[in-house]
Every structure is written in C-alpha cells, then in structure tokens.
Amino acid sequence: MDVDRISFFNALAIEMNAHPERYQVLGDADMSALIVMNGDASFCVRVDFEELHCAGVHQAEPDDPADFSLVGDRDAWQAMFDDIVAHGRATGLQTINSLALLGDRIACGGTDPMGLDKFSRFNQTLQEFFDGAARTAVPA
C-alpha cells in the first residue's frame, strides 16, 4: 500500500462517502487538512470535509491554504496506516490525535487559531477517514 499517492486518498474519500452512517455519531465536520509526507519525494494532499462526507481530495503544496496541516516523514504515515490495516483501526500511539499531540513524528500546524481548533474538534472524523484504509482495497 502506497500511502503517498492521490489514489490512496481518493479511495479513502470513496469509502467515507459510501458510509455516512459511520460519521453521523461524530456530527458534521467542516474542515480542510493538508497531509504532508516528507521523504525522498515529498507528497502533499489537501482533503476537504463538509458535513458527513469528503468533499474533495486534491494534490497540493505544503504552503497551500488549509485549516491545518499534518506534517511528518512518509515512514511515520506508513506506520500509522499499517497499524490501521493490521488492527481495523488505529491503536495506541498510532492514532492521529496521539501522533499530533506528541508532535515528534507527525505534527499539526497552521497559522489561524480557528483553523487549528478544527483539528481538535474534528479529529475523530479525520481518524475515521484514515481508518477507512482497513475497509477498502486501496490502489497501489
């Protein structure tokens, strides 16, 4: 599974949009997140959420506008998604909330306090979106 591909995030969006019932308990989410994977070849994707669905997945640049960014080495992202696939969901310190709070492998950043607050308010929606990797055949 190549997590640094737009096709990977498109598959997660399709999974989310096919199962809005998973997100109803979490409530509507309105946020845009930049996912930045650093490595030999850096990768950045913007994921937009509206209400109970993923409204868009777009190739992006690390300085593109978004509510917040999650930045880490590709290996840290790969480890998180491997944990999700192995256990059906993120476990322990592999949740995006734990990773961002520790900030040593994946850090949450942004310049707008209201945008950063969206990570705190909607991180369960984001986690459920990422956990979709365990429920879908993700293209390579």
N, C-alpha and C. Protein backbone atom coordinates (compact mmCIF):
# COMPACT_ATOMS: atom_id res chain seq x y z
N MET A 1 0.84 -1.17 0.00
CA MET A 1 0.00 0.00 0.00
C MET A 1 0.89 1.23 0.00
N ASP A 2 0.74 2.04 -1.03
CA ASP A 2 1.50 3.28 -1.15
C ASP A 2 0.64 4.43 -0.62
N VAL A 3 0.99 4.91 0.57
CA VAL A 3 0.18 5.96 1.20
C VAL A 3 0.46 7.34 0.63
N ASP A 4 1.50 7.45 -0.15
CA ASP A 4 1.85 8.75 -0.73
C ASP A 4 1.40 8.85 -2.19
N ARG A 5 0.13 8.51 -2.39
CA ARG A 5 -0.48 8.57 -3.72
C ARG A 5 -1.86 9.21 -3.60
N ILE A 6 -2.21 10.00 -4.57
CA ILE A 6 -3.54 10.62 -4.59
C ILE A 6 -4.61 9.54 -4.67
N SER A 7 -4.32 8.43 -5.35
CA SER A 7 -5.29 7.34 -5.47
C SER A 7 -5.62 6.74 -4.09
N PHE A 8 -4.66 6.72 -3.20
CA PHE A 8 -4.89 6.22 -1.84
C PHE A 8 -5.94 7.08 -1.13
N PHE A 9 -5.78 8.40 -1.19
CA PHE A 9 -6.71 9.31 -0.52
C PHE A 9 -8.05 9.36 -1.23
N ASN A 10 -8.06 9.20 -2.55
CA ASN A 10 -9.34 9.10 -3.27
C ASN A 10 -10.11 7.87 -2.81
N ALA A 11 -9.41 6.75 -2.60
CA ALA A 11 -10.08 5.54 -2.11
C ALA A 11 -10.65 5.76 -0.71
N LEU A 12 -9.93 6.49 0.14
CA LEU A 12 -10.46 6.80 1.47
C LEU A 12 -11.71 7.68 1.36
N ALA A 13 -11.70 8.63 0.44
CA ALA A 13 -12.86 9.50 0.25
C ALA A 13 -14.07 8.70 -0.24
N ILE A 14 -13.85 7.79 -1.16
CA ILE A 14 -14.94 6.95 -1.67
C ILE A 14 -15.53 6.12 -0.52
N GLU A 15 -14.67 5.56 0.31
CA GLU A 15 -15.13 4.77 1.45
C GLU A 15 -15.95 5.64 2.41
N MET A 16 -15.47 6.83 2.71
CA MET A 16 -16.21 7.72 3.61
C MET A 16 -17.57 8.07 3.04
N ASN A 17 -17.59 8.45 1.78
CA ASN A 17 -18.83 8.91 1.17
C ASN A 17 -19.84 7.78 0.99
N ALA A 18 -19.38 6.55 0.96
CA ALA A 18 -20.28 5.40 0.85
C ALA A 18 -20.90 5.01 2.19
N HIS A 19 -20.36 5.55 3.29
CA HIS A 19 -20.82 5.15 4.63
C HIS A 19 -21.00 6.34 5.56
N PRO A 20 -21.90 7.25 5.22
CA PRO A 20 -22.11 8.42 6.09
C PRO A 20 -22.60 8.04 7.48
N GLU A 21 -23.19 6.85 7.62
CA GLU A 21 -23.66 6.43 8.95
C GLU A 21 -22.53 6.31 9.96
N ARG A 22 -21.32 6.04 9.50
CA ARG A 22 -20.17 5.97 10.40
C ARG A 22 -19.84 7.33 11.00
N TYR A 23 -20.23 8.39 10.31
CA TYR A 23 -19.87 9.75 10.70
C TYR A 23 -20.99 10.49 11.41
N GLN A 24 -22.22 9.98 11.34
CA GLN A 24 -23.35 10.66 11.97
C GLN A 24 -23.14 10.85 13.46
N VAL A 25 -22.64 9.84 14.12
CA VAL A 25 -22.41 9.93 15.56
C VAL A 25 -21.37 11.00 15.91
N LEU A 26 -20.48 11.28 14.97
CA LEU A 26 -19.43 12.28 15.18
C LEU A 26 -19.91 13.70 14.88
N GLY A 27 -20.99 13.81 14.12
CA GLY A 27 -21.53 15.11 13.75
C GLY A 27 -20.89 15.66 12.49
N ASP A 28 -21.47 16.73 12.00
CA ASP A 28 -20.97 17.37 10.79
C ASP A 28 -19.57 17.93 11.02
N ALA A 29 -18.76 17.83 9.99
CA ALA A 29 -17.40 18.38 10.04
C ALA A 29 -17.22 19.33 8.86
N ASP A 30 -16.59 20.44 9.13
CA ASP A 30 -16.27 21.42 8.09
C ASP A 30 -14.81 21.80 8.28
N MET A 31 -13.95 21.16 7.47
CA MET A 31 -12.51 21.43 7.63
C MET A 31 -11.78 21.07 6.35
N SER A 32 -10.61 21.67 6.24
CA SER A 32 -9.67 21.31 5.17
C SER A 32 -8.34 20.99 5.84
N ALA A 33 -7.75 19.87 5.45
CA ALA A 33 -6.50 19.42 6.05
C ALA A 33 -5.46 19.18 4.97
N LEU A 34 -4.26 19.67 5.21
CA LEU A 34 -3.13 19.33 4.35
C LEU A 34 -2.40 18.17 5.01
N ILE A 35 -2.20 17.13 4.26
CA ILE A 35 -1.44 15.97 4.71
C ILE A 35 -0.10 16.04 3.97
N VAL A 36 0.98 16.21 4.72
CA VAL A 36 2.30 16.39 4.12
C VAL A 36 3.20 15.23 4.55
N MET A 37 3.73 14.54 3.55
CA MET A 37 4.65 13.43 3.80
C MET A 37 6.01 13.80 3.24
N ASN A 38 6.98 13.93 4.13
CA ASN A 38 8.33 14.28 3.72
C ASN A 38 9.14 13.01 3.49
N GLY A 39 10.05 13.09 2.56
CA GLY A 39 10.91 11.96 2.24
C GLY A 39 11.69 12.26 0.99
N ASP A 40 12.19 11.22 0.34
CA ASP A 40 12.94 11.41 -0.90
C ASP A 40 12.13 12.21 -1.90
N ALA A 41 10.88 11.85 -2.04
CA ALA A 41 9.95 12.61 -2.89
C ALA A 41 8.79 13.01 -2.00
N SER A 42 8.71 14.28 -1.65
CA SER A 42 7.64 14.74 -0.77
C SER A 42 6.29 14.64 -1.47
N PHE A 43 5.26 14.46 -0.66
CA PHE A 43 3.89 14.32 -1.16
C PHE A 43 2.99 15.17 -0.27
N CYS A 44 2.05 15.86 -0.90
CA CYS A 44 1.10 16.68 -0.15
C CYS A 44 -0.27 16.57 -0.81
N VAL A 45 -1.28 16.37 0.02
CA VAL A 45 -2.65 16.29 -0.45
C VAL A 45 -3.53 17.14 0.46
N ARG A 46 -4.50 17.82 -0.13
CA ARG A 46 -5.50 18.57 0.65
C ARG A 46 -6.78 17.76 0.63
N VAL A 47 -7.33 17.55 1.81
CA VAL A 47 -8.59 16.80 1.95
C VAL A 47 -9.61 17.75 2.57
N ASP A 48 -10.74 17.91 1.88
CA ASP A 48 -11.79 18.81 2.33
C ASP A 48 -13.00 18.00 2.81
N PHE A 49 -13.53 18.39 3.95
CA PHE A 49 -14.69 17.73 4.53
C PHE A 49 -15.83 18.72 4.68
N GLU A 50 -17.03 18.28 4.33
CA GLU A 50 -18.24 19.07 4.51
C GLU A 50 -19.32 18.15 5.05
N GLU A 51 -19.89 18.54 6.15
CA GLU A 51 -20.94 17.77 6.80
C GLU A 51 -20.47 16.34 7.06
N LEU A 52 -21.11 15.35 6.44
CA LEU A 52 -20.77 13.95 6.71
C LEU A 52 -20.03 13.30 5.54
N HIS A 53 -19.37 14.11 4.72
CA HIS A 53 -18.68 13.50 3.59
C HIS A 53 -17.36 14.22 3.26
N CYS A 54 -16.57 13.55 2.46
CA CYS A 54 -15.35 14.13 1.94
C CYS A 54 -15.71 14.86 0.65
N ALA A 55 -15.54 16.16 0.65
CA ALA A 55 -15.95 16.99 -0.48
C ALA A 55 -14.87 17.08 -1.57
N GLY A 56 -13.65 16.65 -1.24
CA GLY A 56 -12.61 16.72 -2.26
C GLY A 56 -11.26 16.29 -1.77
N VAL A 57 -10.50 15.74 -2.69
CA VAL A 57 -9.11 15.34 -2.47
C VAL A 57 -8.31 15.95 -3.61
N HIS A 58 -7.28 16.73 -3.27
CA HIS A 58 -6.54 17.44 -4.31
C HIS A 58 -5.04 17.37 -4.03
N GLN A 59 -4.26 17.11 -5.06
CA GLN A 59 -2.81 17.24 -4.94
C GLN A 59 -2.53 18.68 -4.53
N ALA A 60 -1.60 18.88 -3.62
CA ALA A 60 -1.37 20.22 -3.08
C ALA A 60 0.11 20.46 -2.85
N GLU A 61 0.40 21.66 -2.39
CA GLU A 61 1.73 22.06 -1.96
C GLU A 61 1.68 22.33 -0.45
N PRO A 62 2.78 22.13 0.27
CA PRO A 62 2.76 22.31 1.73
C PRO A 62 2.35 23.70 2.21
N ASP A 63 2.47 24.71 1.37
CA ASP A 63 2.09 26.06 1.79
C ASP A 63 0.72 26.48 1.25
N ASP A 64 -0.04 25.54 0.67
CA ASP A 64 -1.39 25.85 0.21
C ASP A 64 -2.28 26.16 1.41
N PRO A 65 -3.32 26.97 1.20
CA PRO A 65 -4.21 27.29 2.31
C PRO A 65 -5.02 26.08 2.77
N ALA A 66 -5.16 25.94 4.07
CA ALA A 66 -5.98 24.90 4.70
C ALA A 66 -6.19 25.31 6.15
N ASP A 67 -7.13 24.67 6.80
CA ASP A 67 -7.36 24.97 8.21
C ASP A 67 -6.16 24.58 9.06
N PHE A 68 -5.55 23.44 8.73
CA PHE A 68 -4.37 22.98 9.45
C PHE A 68 -3.60 22.01 8.56
N SER A 69 -2.38 21.75 8.95
CA SER A 69 -1.57 20.77 8.22
C SER A 69 -1.05 19.73 9.21
N LEU A 70 -0.92 18.53 8.71
CA LEU A 70 -0.32 17.43 9.46
C LEU A 70 0.92 17.03 8.68
N VAL A 71 2.09 17.23 9.29
CA VAL A 71 3.37 17.07 8.60
C VAL A 71 4.22 16.03 9.30
N GLY A 72 4.72 15.08 8.51
CA GLY A 72 5.61 14.07 9.07
C GLY A 72 6.34 13.33 7.98
N ASP A 73 7.29 12.52 8.38
CA ASP A 73 8.00 11.69 7.42
C ASP A 73 7.06 10.64 6.85
N ARG A 74 7.30 10.28 5.62
CA ARG A 74 6.49 9.25 4.98
C ARG A 74 6.45 7.99 5.83
N ASP A 75 7.57 7.62 6.45
CA ASP A 75 7.62 6.40 7.26
C ASP A 75 6.66 6.47 8.44
N ALA A 76 6.48 7.63 9.04
CA ALA A 76 5.53 7.78 10.15
C ALA A 76 4.10 7.59 9.67
N TRP A 77 3.80 8.17 8.52
CA TRP A 77 2.46 7.98 7.94
C TRP A 77 2.24 6.52 7.58
N GLN A 78 3.26 5.90 6.97
CA GLN A 78 3.13 4.49 6.59
C GLN A 78 2.88 3.63 7.83
N ALA A 79 3.59 3.89 8.92
CA ALA A 79 3.41 3.12 10.15
C ALA A 79 2.00 3.28 10.68
N MET A 80 1.46 4.49 10.63
CA MET A 80 0.09 4.71 11.10
C MET A 80 -0.90 3.90 10.27
N PHE A 81 -0.77 3.98 8.94
CA PHE A 81 -1.71 3.25 8.08
C PHE A 81 -1.50 1.74 8.16
N ASP A 82 -0.27 1.28 8.35
CA ASP A 82 -0.04 -0.15 8.55
C ASP A 82 -0.74 -0.64 9.81
N ASP A 83 -0.68 0.16 10.87
CA ASP A 83 -1.37 -0.19 12.11
C ASP A 83 -2.88 -0.25 11.89
N ILE A 84 -3.40 0.68 11.14
CA ILE A 84 -4.84 0.69 10.84
C ILE A 84 -5.25 -0.57 10.10
N VAL A 85 -4.51 -0.93 9.08
CA VAL A 85 -4.83 -2.13 8.30
C VAL A 85 -4.69 -3.39 9.16
N ALA A 86 -3.68 -3.45 10.00
CA ALA A 86 -3.44 -4.63 10.83
C ALA A 86 -4.51 -4.82 11.90
N HIS A 87 -5.06 -3.71 12.44
CA HIS A 87 -5.97 -3.81 13.57
C HIS A 87 -7.41 -3.38 13.26
N GLY A 88 -7.66 -2.95 12.05
CA GLY A 88 -9.01 -2.49 11.69
C GLY A 88 -9.26 -1.04 12.04
N ARG A 89 -8.36 -0.44 12.78
CA ARG A 89 -8.42 0.97 13.17
C ARG A 89 -7.08 1.31 13.81
N ALA A 90 -6.79 2.57 13.96
CA ALA A 90 -5.55 2.99 14.61
C ALA A 90 -5.61 2.61 16.09
N THR A 91 -4.48 2.18 16.62
CA THR A 91 -4.41 1.78 18.03
C THR A 91 -3.30 2.54 18.75
N GLY A 92 -3.46 2.66 20.06
CA GLY A 92 -2.42 3.23 20.91
C GLY A 92 -1.89 4.56 20.42
N LEU A 93 -0.59 4.65 20.32
CA LEU A 93 0.06 5.89 19.90
C LEU A 93 0.05 6.10 18.39
N GLN A 94 -0.64 5.23 17.65
CA GLN A 94 -0.73 5.39 16.20
C GLN A 94 -1.98 6.16 15.77
N THR A 95 -2.78 6.65 16.71
CA THR A 95 -3.91 7.49 16.30
C THR A 95 -3.36 8.85 15.88
N ILE A 96 -4.08 9.53 15.01
CA ILE A 96 -3.61 10.84 14.55
C ILE A 96 -3.59 11.84 15.71
N ASN A 97 -4.51 11.70 16.65
CA ASN A 97 -4.52 12.59 17.81
C ASN A 97 -3.25 12.40 18.64
N SER A 98 -2.90 11.15 18.95
CA SER A 98 -1.68 10.88 19.73
C SER A 98 -0.44 11.35 18.99
N LEU A 99 -0.36 11.03 17.71
CA LEU A 99 0.81 11.44 16.92
C LEU A 99 0.97 12.95 16.90
N ALA A 100 -0.14 13.67 16.70
CA ALA A 100 -0.07 15.13 16.63
C ALA A 100 0.23 15.74 18.00
N LEU A 101 -0.33 15.16 19.06
CA LEU A 101 -0.06 15.70 20.39
C LEU A 101 1.40 15.52 20.78
N LEU A 102 1.96 14.36 20.47
CA LEU A 102 3.39 14.14 20.74
C LEU A 102 4.24 15.02 19.84
N GLY A 103 3.84 15.13 18.58
CA GLY A 103 4.50 16.03 17.64
C GLY A 103 5.89 15.64 17.21
N ASP A 104 6.36 14.47 17.60
CA ASP A 104 7.72 14.10 17.22
C ASP A 104 7.80 13.36 15.88
N ARG A 105 6.71 12.77 15.44
CA ARG A 105 6.71 12.04 14.16
C ARG A 105 5.79 12.70 13.14
N ILE A 106 4.64 13.16 13.61
CA ILE A 106 3.68 13.90 12.79
C ILE A 106 3.23 15.09 13.64
N ALA A 107 3.34 16.27 13.09
CA ALA A 107 2.99 17.48 13.83
C ALA A 107 1.82 18.20 13.16
N CYS A 108 0.97 18.78 13.98
CA CYS A 108 -0.14 19.59 13.49
C CYS A 108 0.29 21.04 13.54
N GLY A 109 0.07 21.76 12.45
CA GLY A 109 0.45 23.16 12.41
C GLY A 109 -0.53 23.99 11.61
N GLY A 110 -0.36 25.28 11.72
CA GLY A 110 -1.20 26.23 10.99
C GLY A 110 -1.01 27.61 11.58
N THR A 111 -1.51 28.60 10.89
CA THR A 111 -1.33 29.98 11.35
C THR A 111 -2.60 30.58 11.94
N ASP A 112 -3.75 29.98 11.67
CA ASP A 112 -5.01 30.52 12.15
C ASP A 112 -5.50 29.71 13.35
N PRO A 113 -5.63 30.34 14.52
CA PRO A 113 -6.09 29.60 15.70
C PRO A 113 -7.43 28.89 15.49
N MET A 114 -8.34 29.50 14.74
CA MET A 114 -9.64 28.86 14.48
C MET A 114 -9.46 27.62 13.59
N GLY A 115 -8.53 27.69 12.65
CA GLY A 115 -8.24 26.53 11.82
C GLY A 115 -7.63 25.40 12.62
N LEU A 116 -6.69 25.75 13.49
CA LEU A 116 -6.07 24.74 14.35
C LEU A 116 -7.10 24.11 15.29
N ASP A 117 -8.06 24.90 15.74
CA ASP A 117 -9.11 24.38 16.60
C ASP A 117 -9.92 23.31 15.89
N LYS A 118 -10.03 23.41 14.58
CA LYS A 118 -10.79 22.40 13.82
C LYS A 118 -10.14 21.03 13.93
N PHE A 119 -8.82 20.98 14.05
CA PHE A 119 -8.19 19.68 14.25
C PHE A 119 -8.69 19.06 15.55
N SER A 120 -8.75 19.84 16.60
CA SER A 120 -9.22 19.33 17.89
C SER A 120 -10.69 18.93 17.83
N ARG A 121 -11.51 19.76 17.21
CA ARG A 121 -12.95 19.48 17.16
C ARG A 121 -13.29 18.31 16.27
N PHE A 122 -12.56 18.15 15.18
CA PHE A 122 -12.94 17.16 14.17
C PHE A 122 -11.94 16.02 14.02
N ASN A 123 -11.01 15.85 14.96
CA ASN A 123 -10.00 14.81 14.73
C ASN A 123 -10.58 13.41 14.75
N GLN A 124 -11.73 13.19 15.41
CA GLN A 124 -12.34 11.86 15.35
C GLN A 124 -12.88 11.57 13.95
N THR A 125 -13.40 12.59 13.29
CA THR A 125 -13.83 12.41 11.89
C THR A 125 -12.62 12.11 11.02
N LEU A 126 -11.55 12.83 11.22
CA LEU A 126 -10.33 12.58 10.45
C LEU A 126 -9.80 11.17 10.72
N GLN A 127 -9.83 10.75 11.99
CA GLN A 127 -9.37 9.40 12.31
C GLN A 127 -10.24 8.35 11.63
N GLU A 128 -11.54 8.53 11.65
CA GLU A 128 -12.44 7.58 11.00
C GLU A 128 -12.16 7.54 9.49
N PHE A 129 -11.87 8.71 8.92
CA PHE A 129 -11.49 8.78 7.50
C PHE A 129 -10.23 7.95 7.26
N PHE A 130 -9.20 8.15 8.07
CA PHE A 130 -7.96 7.38 7.93
C PHE A 130 -8.21 5.89 8.18
N ASP A 131 -9.06 5.57 9.16
CA ASP A 131 -9.35 4.17 9.46
C ASP A 131 -10.03 3.46 8.30
N GLY A 132 -10.55 4.22 7.35
CA GLY A 132 -11.13 3.64 6.15
C GLY A 132 -10.14 2.79 5.38
N ALA A 133 -8.85 2.99 5.62
CA ALA A 133 -7.83 2.19 4.93
C ALA A 133 -7.98 0.70 5.27
N ALA A 134 -8.56 0.39 6.41
CA ALA A 134 -8.76 -1.00 6.82
C ALA A 134 -9.98 -1.63 6.13
N ARG A 135 -10.84 -0.80 5.55
CA ARG A 135 -12.09 -1.29 4.99
C ARG A 135 -12.15 -1.22 3.47
N THR A 136 -11.08 -0.82 2.85
CA THR A 136 -11.15 -0.63 1.40
C THR A 136 -9.92 -1.22 0.74
N ALA A 137 -10.12 -1.63 -0.48
CA ALA A 137 -8.98 -2.06 -1.30
C ALA A 137 -8.36 -0.79 -1.85
N VAL A 138 -7.20 -0.44 -1.33
CA VAL A 138 -6.55 0.80 -1.72
C VAL A 138 -5.62 0.52 -2.89
N PRO A 139 -5.80 1.23 -4.00
CA PRO A 139 -4.93 1.01 -5.15
C PRO A 139 -3.48 1.37 -4.86
N ALA A 140 -2.58 0.67 -5.50
CA ALA A 140 -1.14 0.95 -5.34
C ALA A 140 -0.74 2.14 -6.14
